[in-house]
Protein backbone atom coordinates (compact mmCIF):
# COMPACT_ATOMS: atom_id res chain seq x y z
CA MET A 1 10.38 -18.97 -0.08
CA HIS A 2 9.10 -21.82 -2.34
CA PHE A 3 7.11 -24.89 -1.24
CA LEU A 4 6.77 -28.60 -2.79
CA MET A 5 3.17 -29.31 -3.77
CA SER A 6 2.82 -31.52 -1.08
CA GLU A 7 4.03 -29.27 1.66
CA LEU A 8 1.25 -26.97 1.02
CA PRO A 9 -0.78 -25.88 3.33
CA VAL A 10 -3.52 -23.26 3.78
CA VAL A 11 -2.73 -20.36 6.40
CA PHE A 12 -5.97 -18.59 8.30
CA ILE A 13 -5.38 -14.82 9.72
CA ALA A 14 -8.49 -14.14 11.55
CA GLY A 15 -9.20 -11.80 14.66
CA PRO A 16 -10.94 -8.65 15.76
CA THR A 17 -11.30 -5.33 13.57
CA ALA A 18 -8.19 -3.25 14.50
CA SER A 19 -5.78 -6.19 15.32
CA GLY A 20 -3.75 -5.61 11.97
CA LYS A 21 -4.30 -8.56 10.42
CA THR A 22 -3.71 -6.85 7.10
CA GLU A 23 -0.09 -5.13 8.08
CA LEU A 24 0.47 -8.90 8.91
CA ALA A 25 -0.51 -10.50 5.50
CA MET A 26 1.55 -7.65 3.47
CA ARG A 27 4.69 -8.17 5.72
CA LEU A 28 4.27 -12.20 4.97
CA ALA A 29 3.66 -11.66 0.96
CA ASP A 30 7.04 -9.97 1.23
CA ARG A 31 8.52 -12.96 2.24
CA LEU A 32 6.32 -15.88 1.40
CA ASP A 33 5.18 -16.98 -2.36
CA VAL A 34 1.32 -16.29 -1.18
CA ALA A 35 -1.68 -15.78 -2.48
CA LEU A 36 -3.60 -13.26 -0.54
CA ILE A 37 -7.36 -14.42 -0.26
CA ASN A 38 -9.63 -11.50 1.34
CA VAL A 39 -12.28 -13.21 4.02
CA ASP A 40 -14.07 -9.67 4.94
CA ALA A 41 -17.57 -9.78 4.23
CA ALA A 42 -17.86 -5.71 3.46
CA GLN A 43 -14.45 -5.78 1.66
CA VAL A 44 -16.08 -7.85 -1.54
CA TYR A 45 -18.35 -4.60 -2.13
CA LYS A 46 -17.17 -1.80 -4.81
CA GLY A 47 -17.21 1.66 -3.64
CA MET A 48 -16.93 0.73 0.10
CA ASP A 49 -13.56 1.48 0.59
CA ILE A 50 -13.00 3.80 3.49
CA GLY A 51 -15.24 2.64 5.75
CA THR A 52 -13.94 -0.70 5.36
CA ALA A 53 -10.25 -0.13 6.16
CA LYS A 54 -9.85 -1.34 2.34
CA LEU A 55 -5.92 -1.11 0.98
CA ASP A 56 -5.83 1.63 -1.44
CA ALA A 57 -5.35 1.31 -4.98
CA GLU A 58 -1.45 1.28 -4.92
CA SER A 59 -0.84 -1.05 -2.38
CA LEU A 60 -3.60 -3.38 -3.46
CA GLN A 61 -1.45 -3.38 -6.81
CA ARG A 62 1.76 -4.65 -4.88
CA TYR A 63 -0.19 -6.70 -2.34
CA PRO A 64 -3.38 -8.37 -4.53
CA HIS A 65 -6.16 -9.28 -2.68
CA ALA A 66 -8.79 -12.07 -4.26
CA LEU A 67 -12.59 -11.34 -3.50
CA ILE A 68 -12.08 -7.41 -3.55
CA ASP A 69 -14.26 -5.23 -5.34
CA ILE A 70 -16.03 -8.44 -6.73
CA ARG A 71 -19.60 -7.14 -5.69
CA ASP A 72 -21.84 -4.19 -6.58
CA PRO A 73 -23.44 -2.59 -3.02
CA SER A 74 -27.16 -3.57 -4.56
CA GLU A 75 -26.11 -7.21 -4.14
CA VAL A 76 -26.15 -9.70 -2.09
CA TYR A 77 -22.82 -11.83 -1.36
CA ASP A 78 -23.56 -14.73 1.31
CA VAL A 79 -21.20 -17.29 2.86
CA SER A 80 -22.02 -20.34 0.60
CA GLN A 81 -20.52 -17.88 -2.42
CA PHE A 82 -18.09 -17.27 -0.32
CA VAL A 83 -16.76 -20.84 0.52
CA ALA A 84 -17.12 -21.61 -3.83
CA ASP A 85 -15.21 -18.72 -4.67
CA ALA A 86 -12.40 -19.65 -1.67
CA THR A 87 -12.28 -23.10 -2.51
CA GLY A 88 -11.33 -22.20 -6.43
CA LEU A 89 -9.27 -20.01 -5.26
CA ILE A 90 -7.03 -22.25 -2.45
CA ASP A 91 -7.18 -25.03 -5.53
CA GLU A 92 -5.47 -22.54 -8.13
CA ALA A 93 -2.87 -21.23 -5.64
CA HIS A 94 -1.63 -24.71 -4.93
CA ALA A 95 -2.21 -25.74 -8.36
CA GLY A 96 0.72 -22.90 -8.93
CA GLY A 97 2.75 -24.32 -5.93
CA ARG A 98 1.29 -21.05 -3.73
CA VAL A 99 -0.01 -21.21 -0.72
CA PRO A 100 -3.11 -19.24 0.27
CA LEU A 101 -2.93 -16.93 2.83
CA LEU A 102 -6.81 -15.77 4.01
CA VAL A 103 -6.79 -13.04 5.92
CA GLY A 104 -9.81 -11.16 7.61
CA GLY A 105 -12.63 -10.74 10.24
CA SER A 106 -15.85 -12.12 8.84
CA LEU A 107 -15.21 -15.28 11.14
CA PHE A 108 -18.36 -17.29 10.09
CA TYR A 109 -16.87 -17.10 6.51
CA PHE A 110 -13.41 -19.25 7.88
CA SER A 111 -15.85 -21.57 9.81
CA ALA A 112 -18.17 -22.34 6.52
CA LEU A 113 -14.74 -22.41 5.00
CA GLU A 114 -13.14 -24.72 7.02
CA LYS A 115 -16.38 -26.95 7.85
CA GLY A 116 -18.39 -26.67 4.61
CA VAL A 117 -21.64 -25.39 4.10
CA SER A 118 -25.19 -27.46 3.56
CA ARG A 119 -25.79 -27.64 -0.26
CA LEU A 120 -29.73 -27.27 0.69
CA PRO A 121 -31.59 -25.43 -1.39
CA ALA A 122 -32.25 -21.45 -0.35
CA ALA A 123 -34.89 -20.26 1.24
CA ASP A 124 -38.33 -19.59 -0.77
CA SER A 125 -40.04 -16.79 0.57
CA ARG A 126 -43.22 -17.36 -1.63
CA ILE A 127 -43.45 -20.87 -0.31
CA ARG A 128 -42.25 -19.71 3.05
CA GLU A 129 -45.52 -16.71 2.88
CA THR A 130 -47.79 -19.68 1.64
CA LEU A 131 -47.17 -22.29 4.55
CA GLU A 132 -47.72 -19.50 7.34
CA ARG A 133 -51.03 -18.79 5.42
CA GLU A 134 -51.81 -22.21 5.68
CA ALA A 135 -50.88 -22.60 9.35
CA SER A 136 -52.89 -19.63 10.68
CA VAL A 137 -55.83 -21.34 9.17
CA GLU A 138 -55.30 -25.11 9.60
CA GLY A 139 -52.75 -24.66 12.28
CA TRP A 140 -49.21 -26.07 12.71
CA ASP A 141 -50.27 -29.60 14.10
CA SER A 142 -51.74 -30.24 10.28
CA LEU A 143 -48.87 -29.03 9.02
CA TYR A 144 -47.32 -31.44 11.11
CA ALA A 145 -49.39 -34.37 10.09
CA ARG A 146 -48.97 -33.42 6.70
CA LEU A 147 -45.18 -33.74 7.03
CA GLN A 148 -45.41 -36.91 9.12
CA LEU A 149 -46.96 -38.50 5.83
CA ILE A 150 -44.48 -37.24 3.15
CA ASP A 151 -41.25 -37.98 5.45
CA PRO A 152 -42.10 -40.28 9.02
CA GLU A 153 -38.49 -40.66 9.89
CA LEU A 154 -37.76 -36.80 9.77
CA CYS A 155 -40.55 -35.99 12.30
CA GLU A 156 -38.76 -38.81 14.39
CA THR A 157 -36.17 -36.13 15.28
CA ILE A 158 -38.78 -32.55 14.80
CA LYS A 159 -41.27 -32.09 17.67
CA ALA A 160 -45.16 -31.12 16.82
CA GLY A 161 -44.02 -27.54 17.98
CA ASP A 162 -41.05 -26.88 16.20
CA LYS A 163 -42.69 -24.41 13.34
CA GLN A 164 -39.15 -23.54 11.93
CA ARG A 165 -38.07 -26.80 11.64
CA ILE A 166 -41.59 -28.38 10.08
CA GLN A 167 -41.99 -25.19 7.76
CA ARG A 168 -38.42 -25.64 6.08
CA ALA A 169 -38.68 -29.58 5.70
CA LEU A 170 -42.18 -28.64 4.15
CA GLU A 171 -40.27 -26.18 1.98
CA ILE A 172 -37.57 -28.44 0.87
CA HIS A 173 -40.09 -30.67 0.05
CA GLN A 174 -41.97 -28.80 -2.51
CA LEU A 175 -39.06 -27.11 -3.93
CA THR A 176 -36.90 -30.55 -4.75
CA GLY A 177 -40.09 -32.67 -4.80
CA GLN A 178 -38.03 -35.12 -2.74
CA VAL A 179 -37.96 -36.68 0.68
CA PRO A 180 -36.80 -33.65 3.18
CA SER A 181 -34.38 -36.28 5.02
CA ARG A 182 -33.11 -37.75 2.03
CA VAL A 183 -32.63 -34.12 0.69
CA MET A 184 -30.17 -33.12 3.41
CA ALA A 185 -28.65 -36.24 4.10
CA GLU A 186 -26.94 -36.15 0.49
CA SER A 187 -26.56 -32.18 1.27
CA ALA A 188 -24.02 -32.21 4.26
CA PRO A 189 -21.38 -30.02 4.85
CA GLU A 190 -17.83 -31.19 2.66
CA PRO A 191 -15.02 -29.77 5.15
CA LEU A 192 -12.43 -28.77 3.23
CA ALA A 193 -9.64 -31.30 2.52
CA ARG A 194 -6.56 -28.86 3.10
CA ASN A 195 -3.68 -28.84 6.01
CA ILE A 196 -5.21 -25.93 7.41
CA ILE A 197 -3.23 -23.76 9.85
CA LYS A 198 -4.82 -20.63 11.93
CA PHE A 199 -3.68 -17.99 13.33
CA ASN A 200 -5.37 -15.26 15.48
CA LEU A 201 -4.21 -12.27 15.86
CA PHE A 202 -5.36 -10.05 18.63
CA THR A 203 -4.68 -7.50 21.21
CA PRO A 204 -3.95 -8.28 24.56
CA ASP A 205 -4.82 -4.84 26.02
CA ARG A 206 -8.41 -3.84 25.49
CA GLN A 207 -7.73 -0.39 26.10
CA LEU A 208 -4.89 -0.24 23.35
CA LEU A 209 -7.81 -2.24 21.06
CA HIS A 210 -10.37 0.68 21.86
CA ALA A 211 -7.49 3.42 21.34
CA ARG A 212 -6.97 1.79 17.91
CA ILE A 213 -10.63 1.58 16.97
CA ARG A 214 -11.31 5.24 18.10
CA GLN A 215 -8.08 6.45 16.10
CA ARG A 216 -9.09 4.47 13.17
CA PHE A 217 -12.94 5.24 12.96
CA GLY A 218 -11.50 9.33 13.23
CA SER A 219 -9.51 8.71 10.71
CA MET A 220 -11.69 7.30 8.18
CA LEU A 221 -14.04 10.24 8.80
CA GLU A 222 -10.88 12.78 8.39
CA ALA A 223 -10.61 10.54 4.70
CA GLY A 224 -14.10 11.52 4.04
CA LEU A 225 -15.99 8.42 5.08
CA VAL A 226 -19.52 10.77 5.51
CA GLU A 227 -18.81 12.24 1.66
CA GLU A 228 -18.44 7.62 0.71
CA VAL A 229 -21.71 7.38 2.07
CA GLU A 230 -23.15 10.17 1.08
CA GLY A 231 -22.42 8.92 -2.23
CA LEU A 232 -23.93 5.61 -1.71
CA LYS A 233 -27.20 7.10 0.13
CA SER A 234 -27.84 9.44 -3.47
CA ARG A 235 -28.26 5.99 -5.13
CA THR A 236 -31.95 4.85 -5.44
CA ASN A 237 -31.18 1.31 -5.38
CA LEU A 238 -29.66 1.12 -1.96
CA HIS A 239 -31.34 1.24 1.79
CA LEU A 240 -30.15 0.11 4.84
CA ASP A 241 -31.92 -2.88 5.11
CA LEU A 242 -29.24 -4.71 2.66
CA PRO A 243 -26.01 -6.46 4.08
CA SER A 244 -23.58 -3.99 2.52
CA MET A 245 -25.43 -0.79 4.28
CA ARG A 246 -25.75 -2.50 7.70
CA CYS A 247 -21.51 -2.70 7.92
CA VAL A 248 -20.29 -1.19 10.71
CA GLY A 249 -20.19 2.77 10.11
CA TYR A 250 -21.79 3.09 6.91
CA ARG A 251 -24.88 2.28 9.14
CA GLN A 252 -24.31 5.20 11.58
CA VAL A 253 -23.01 7.91 9.14
CA TRP A 254 -26.40 6.83 7.03
CA GLN A 255 -28.27 7.45 10.32
CA TYR A 256 -26.62 11.28 10.38
CA LEU A 257 -27.07 11.92 7.05
CA SER A 258 -30.76 11.35 7.50
CA GLY A 259 -30.73 13.53 10.34
CA GLU A 260 -31.07 10.74 12.88
CA LEU A 261 -28.36 11.62 14.61
CA ASP A 262 -26.08 14.69 15.06
CA TYR A 263 -22.11 14.17 14.24
CA ALA A 264 -20.86 13.57 17.64
CA THR A 265 -23.37 10.64 18.56
CA MET A 266 -22.92 9.50 14.68
CA ARG A 267 -19.13 9.30 15.85
CA ALA A 268 -19.79 7.88 19.00
CA LYS A 269 -22.10 4.98 17.80
CA GLY A 270 -19.53 4.45 15.28
CA GLU A 271 -17.02 3.52 17.54
CA ALA A 272 -19.12 1.89 20.01
CA ALA A 273 -20.18 -0.19 17.07
CA THR A 274 -16.72 -1.03 16.44
CA ARG A 275 -15.62 -2.21 19.81
CA GLN A 276 -18.92 -4.28 20.18
CA LEU A 277 -17.94 -5.84 16.77
CA ALA A 278 -14.54 -6.80 18.26
CA LYS A 279 -15.96 -8.32 21.65
CA ARG A 280 -17.89 -10.69 19.47
CA GLN A 281 -15.34 -11.62 17.17
CA LEU A 282 -13.04 -12.36 20.20
CA THR A 283 -16.01 -14.44 21.62
CA TRP A 284 -16.62 -16.58 18.28
CA LEU A 285 -12.46 -16.78 18.38
CA ARG A 286 -12.70 -17.89 21.94
CA HIS A 287 -14.99 -21.26 21.51
CA GLN A 288 -13.26 -22.40 18.30
CA ARG A 289 -10.18 -25.09 18.30
CA GLY A 290 -6.89 -25.41 16.93
CA GLN A 291 -5.91 -21.79 16.31
CA ILE A 292 -2.48 -20.73 17.72
CA TRP A 293 -2.91 -17.18 19.05
CA LEU A 294 -0.51 -14.01 18.27
CA SER A 295 -0.18 -10.84 20.29
CA SER A 296 -0.44 -7.76 17.94
CA GLU A 297 2.39 -6.39 20.13
CA HIS A 298 4.32 -9.08 19.03
CA ARG A 299 7.59 -7.81 16.83
CA ASP A 300 8.16 -11.50 15.49
CA ASN A 301 4.49 -12.13 14.36
CA VAL A 302 6.35 -12.70 10.66
CA GLU A 303 9.06 -14.90 11.49
CA PHE A 304 7.52 -16.97 13.74
CA ILE A 305 4.56 -17.92 11.07
CA GLN A 306 7.80 -18.52 8.46
CA SER A 307 9.29 -20.79 11.04
CA PHE A 308 6.08 -22.44 11.42
CA LEU A 309 5.47 -22.95 7.49
């Protein structure tokens, strides 16, 4: 199916883990001229294939997804980088007359792309440590008084006891040399100015979802998840504090390889963490607006989305 430029939307397919989002996206790609864009914060990392339920090489060749395998696990890929990358890919797809189809379970990424992210300067650990040392000696009241001299307008909205906001405002001032309230006003998020159609794929039967999670995690272990994590653990530049290694499944297997958990406990904890992730994802989705909910048990989801477009 081809689209006119003026009709091109941006399509989101979000949902909890193990709900079948990737399969639905591939079936849509068989029928529609779409550009598939990954919205899974774990699948951006190279070498993390089994535990992230990444498509195999053959499937990725047939159904190429942008933003897969774009970072080493030792690197950090944050939401602002995702928004910049995804926005460029959306523009590229529209310029080519294709519908961008974003699919994944990193729901904060979807929200940030839709609503925009602040363009404030990133946190600076050295400045923050300096401010904390000064506060320990002078007191936070002294730092608040300093901020009042710099930005009295901002202090009308910040209480003297709000240490976090005082610290952030002083940090922005040191980083930019400008009045923090002015920097904040000029760095307001820019929403995605596109026609967005949002679908949430979910499994209404919780027991069925839990069974799928149990089966999927077991399949990952059989496919070599332990060996995959063992290879990652052998690298000197990877550790459990990295965002990549905090992914569900990887942390539990890492702990098993470190001797902290036995195999049965590792498996149970991996399944439990995945269930908790699915619960958090559903809770997040219920608090969003404007989505169309689709049951993973319905057989006509492809036809429904196709007719909707």
